[in-house]
Amino acid sequence: MYLEIISPEKTVYSGEADAVTLPGASGSFTVLSNHAPILSALKRGQLLYRTGNKEEALNVEGGFMEMRDNRISVCIDGLSK
């Protein structure tokens, strides 16, 4: 699936991902390829995305995400250290 993570300052990541784990407002959840359409608010927490054997982690300040047509768009308020 295609993943795009954007913040007010820049595009943080744009490319393929096998799985994405997000800090949803009601709890953490994972999205895989061909997931049903979903829209969710995000809280501050860790966003993980995996491509092959490589996993990346980002600490996000919240935002929202949408999954549709095998594409995940994540708009974050910012990154924290």
C-alpha atoms as a PDB file:
ATOM      1  CA  MET A   1       0.000   0.000   0.000  1.00  0.00           C
ATOM      2  CA  TYR A   2       1.080   3.599  -0.428  1.00  0.00           C
ATOM      3  CA  LEU A   3       1.769   5.684   2.696  1.00  0.00           C
ATOM      4  CA  GLU A   4       2.106   9.449   2.880  1.00  0.00           C
ATOM      5  CA  ILE A   5       2.902  11.207   6.162  1.00  0.00           C
ATOM      6  CA  ILE A   6       2.796  14.999   6.101  1.00  0.00           C
ATOM      7  CA  SER A   7       3.302  17.676   8.741  1.00  0.00           C
ATOM      8  CA  PRO A   8       2.713  21.425   8.439  1.00  0.00           C
ATOM      9  CA  GLU A   9       6.423  21.835   7.615  1.00  0.00           C
ATOM     10  CA  LYS A  10       7.167  18.995   5.194  1.00  0.00           C
ATOM     11  CA  THR A  11       6.419  15.574   3.762  1.00  0.00           C
ATOM     12  CA  VAL A  12       7.873  13.213   6.365  1.00  0.00           C
ATOM     13  CA  TYR A  13       7.511  10.010   4.309  1.00  0.00           C
ATOM     14  CA  SER A  14       6.059   9.093   0.953  1.00  0.00           C
ATOM     15  CA  GLY A  15       6.335   5.533  -0.350  1.00  0.00           C
ATOM     16  CA  GLU A  16       5.311   1.915   0.009  1.00  0.00           C
ATOM     17  CA  ALA A  17       4.577   0.265   3.371  1.00  0.00           C
ATOM     18  CA  ASP A  18       3.501  -3.253   4.341  1.00  0.00           C
ATOM     19  CA  ALA A  19       1.963  -2.297   7.702  1.00  0.00           C
ATOM     20  CA  VAL A  20       1.315   0.908   9.636  1.00  0.00           C
ATOM     21  CA  THR A  21       0.592   1.105  13.372  1.00  0.00           C
ATOM     22  CA  LEU A  22      -0.995   4.364  14.486  1.00  0.00           C
ATOM     23  CA  PRO A  23      -1.799   5.967  17.869  1.00  0.00           C
ATOM     24  CA  GLY A  24      -5.578   6.267  17.421  1.00  0.00           C
ATOM     25  CA  ALA A  25      -7.652   8.474  19.702  1.00  0.00           C
ATOM     26  CA  SER A  26      -9.307   5.319  21.124  1.00  0.00           C
ATOM     27  CA  GLY A  27      -6.148   3.209  21.140  1.00  0.00           C
ATOM     28  CA  SER A  28      -3.368   1.981  18.899  1.00  0.00           C
ATOM     29  CA  PHE A  29      -4.315   0.084  15.727  1.00  0.00           C
ATOM     30  CA  THR A  30      -2.561  -1.475  12.734  1.00  0.00           C
ATOM     31  CA  VAL A  31      -3.526  -1.111   9.079  1.00  0.00           C
ATOM     32  CA  LEU A  32      -2.437  -3.674   6.461  1.00  0.00           C
ATOM     33  CA  SER A  33      -2.748  -3.688   2.667  1.00  0.00           C
ATOM     34  CA  ASN A  34      -6.311  -3.757   1.305  1.00  0.00           C
ATOM     35  CA  HIS A  35      -7.814  -2.620   4.621  1.00  0.00           C
ATOM     36  CA  ALA A  36     -11.380  -1.326   4.486  1.00  0.00           C
ATOM     37  CA  PRO A  37     -11.731   2.467   4.252  1.00  0.00           C
ATOM     38  CA  ILE A  38     -11.200   4.148   7.626  1.00  0.00           C
ATOM     39  CA  LEU A  39     -10.835   7.662   9.011  1.00  0.00           C
ATOM     40  CA  SER A  40      -9.420   8.224  12.503  1.00  0.00           C
ATOM     41  CA  ALA A  41      -8.185  10.985  14.766  1.00  0.00           C
ATOM     42  CA  LEU A  42      -4.699  10.413  16.159  1.00  0.00           C
ATOM     43  CA  LYS A  43      -3.341  11.270  19.590  1.00  0.00           C
ATOM     44  CA  ARG A  44       0.246  11.898  20.638  1.00  0.00           C
ATOM     45  CA  GLY A  45       2.214   8.673  20.417  1.00  0.00           C
ATOM     46  CA  GLN A  46       4.345   6.429  18.257  1.00  0.00           C
ATOM     47  CA  LEU A  47       3.613   5.762  14.593  1.00  0.00           C
ATOM     48  CA  LEU A  48       5.359   2.682  13.173  1.00  0.00           C
ATOM     49  CA  TYR A  49       5.592   1.704   9.533  1.00  0.00           C
ATOM     50  CA  ARG A  50       7.178  -1.403   8.085  1.00  0.00           C
ATOM     51  CA  THR A  51       8.504  -2.020   4.593  1.00  0.00           C
ATOM     52  CA  GLY A  52       9.965  -5.492   4.119  1.00  0.00           C
ATOM     53  CA  ASN A  53      12.310  -6.125   7.064  1.00  0.00           C
ATOM     54  CA  LYS A  54      12.781  -2.426   7.814  1.00  0.00           C
ATOM     55  CA  GLU A  55      10.698  -0.721  10.503  1.00  0.00           C
ATOM     56  CA  GLU A  56      10.664   3.015  11.197  1.00  0.00           C
ATOM     57  CA  ALA A  57       9.205   4.763  14.248  1.00  0.00           C
ATOM     58  CA  LEU A  58       8.056   8.366  14.530  1.00  0.00           C
ATOM     59  CA  ASN A  59       6.828  10.155  17.644  1.00  0.00           C
ATOM     60  CA  VAL A  60       3.866  12.208  16.473  1.00  0.00           C
ATOM     61  CA  GLU A  61       1.973  15.023  18.188  1.00  0.00           C
ATOM     62  CA  GLY A  62      -1.459  13.903  16.960  1.00  0.00           C
ATOM     63  CA  GLY A  63      -3.430  14.521  13.788  1.00  0.00           C
ATOM     64  CA  PHE A  64      -5.658  12.327  11.631  1.00  0.00           C
ATOM     65  CA  MET A  65      -5.431   9.537   9.065  1.00  0.00           C
ATOM     66  CA  GLU A  66      -7.473   8.219   6.170  1.00  0.00           C
ATOM     67  CA  MET A  67      -7.200   4.828   4.447  1.00  0.00           C
ATOM     68  CA  ARG A  68      -8.893   4.522   1.058  1.00  0.00           C
ATOM     69  CA  ASP A  69      -8.104   2.627  -2.150  1.00  0.00           C
ATOM     70  CA  ASN A  70      -5.005   1.010  -0.581  1.00  0.00           C
ATOM     71  CA  ARG A  71      -3.537   4.442   0.205  1.00  0.00           C
ATOM     72  CA  ILE A  72      -2.955   5.838   3.705  1.00  0.00           C
ATOM     73  CA  SER A  73      -2.759   9.595   4.152  1.00  0.00           C
ATOM     74  CA  VAL A  74      -1.539  10.707   7.586  1.00  0.00           C
ATOM     75  CA  CYS A  75      -1.607  14.396   8.508  1.00  0.00           C
ATOM     76  CA  ILE A  76       0.289  14.988  11.737  1.00  0.00           C
ATOM     77  CA  ASP A  77       0.425  18.114  13.891  1.00  0.00           C
ATOM     78  CA  GLY A  78       4.185  17.677  14.230  1.00  0.00           C
ATOM     79  CA  LEU A  79       6.985  15.396  15.353  1.00  0.00           C
ATOM     80  CA  SER A  80       8.339  15.182  18.900  1.00  0.00           C
ATOM     81  CA  LYS A  81      11.766  13.981  19.996  1.00  0.00           C
END
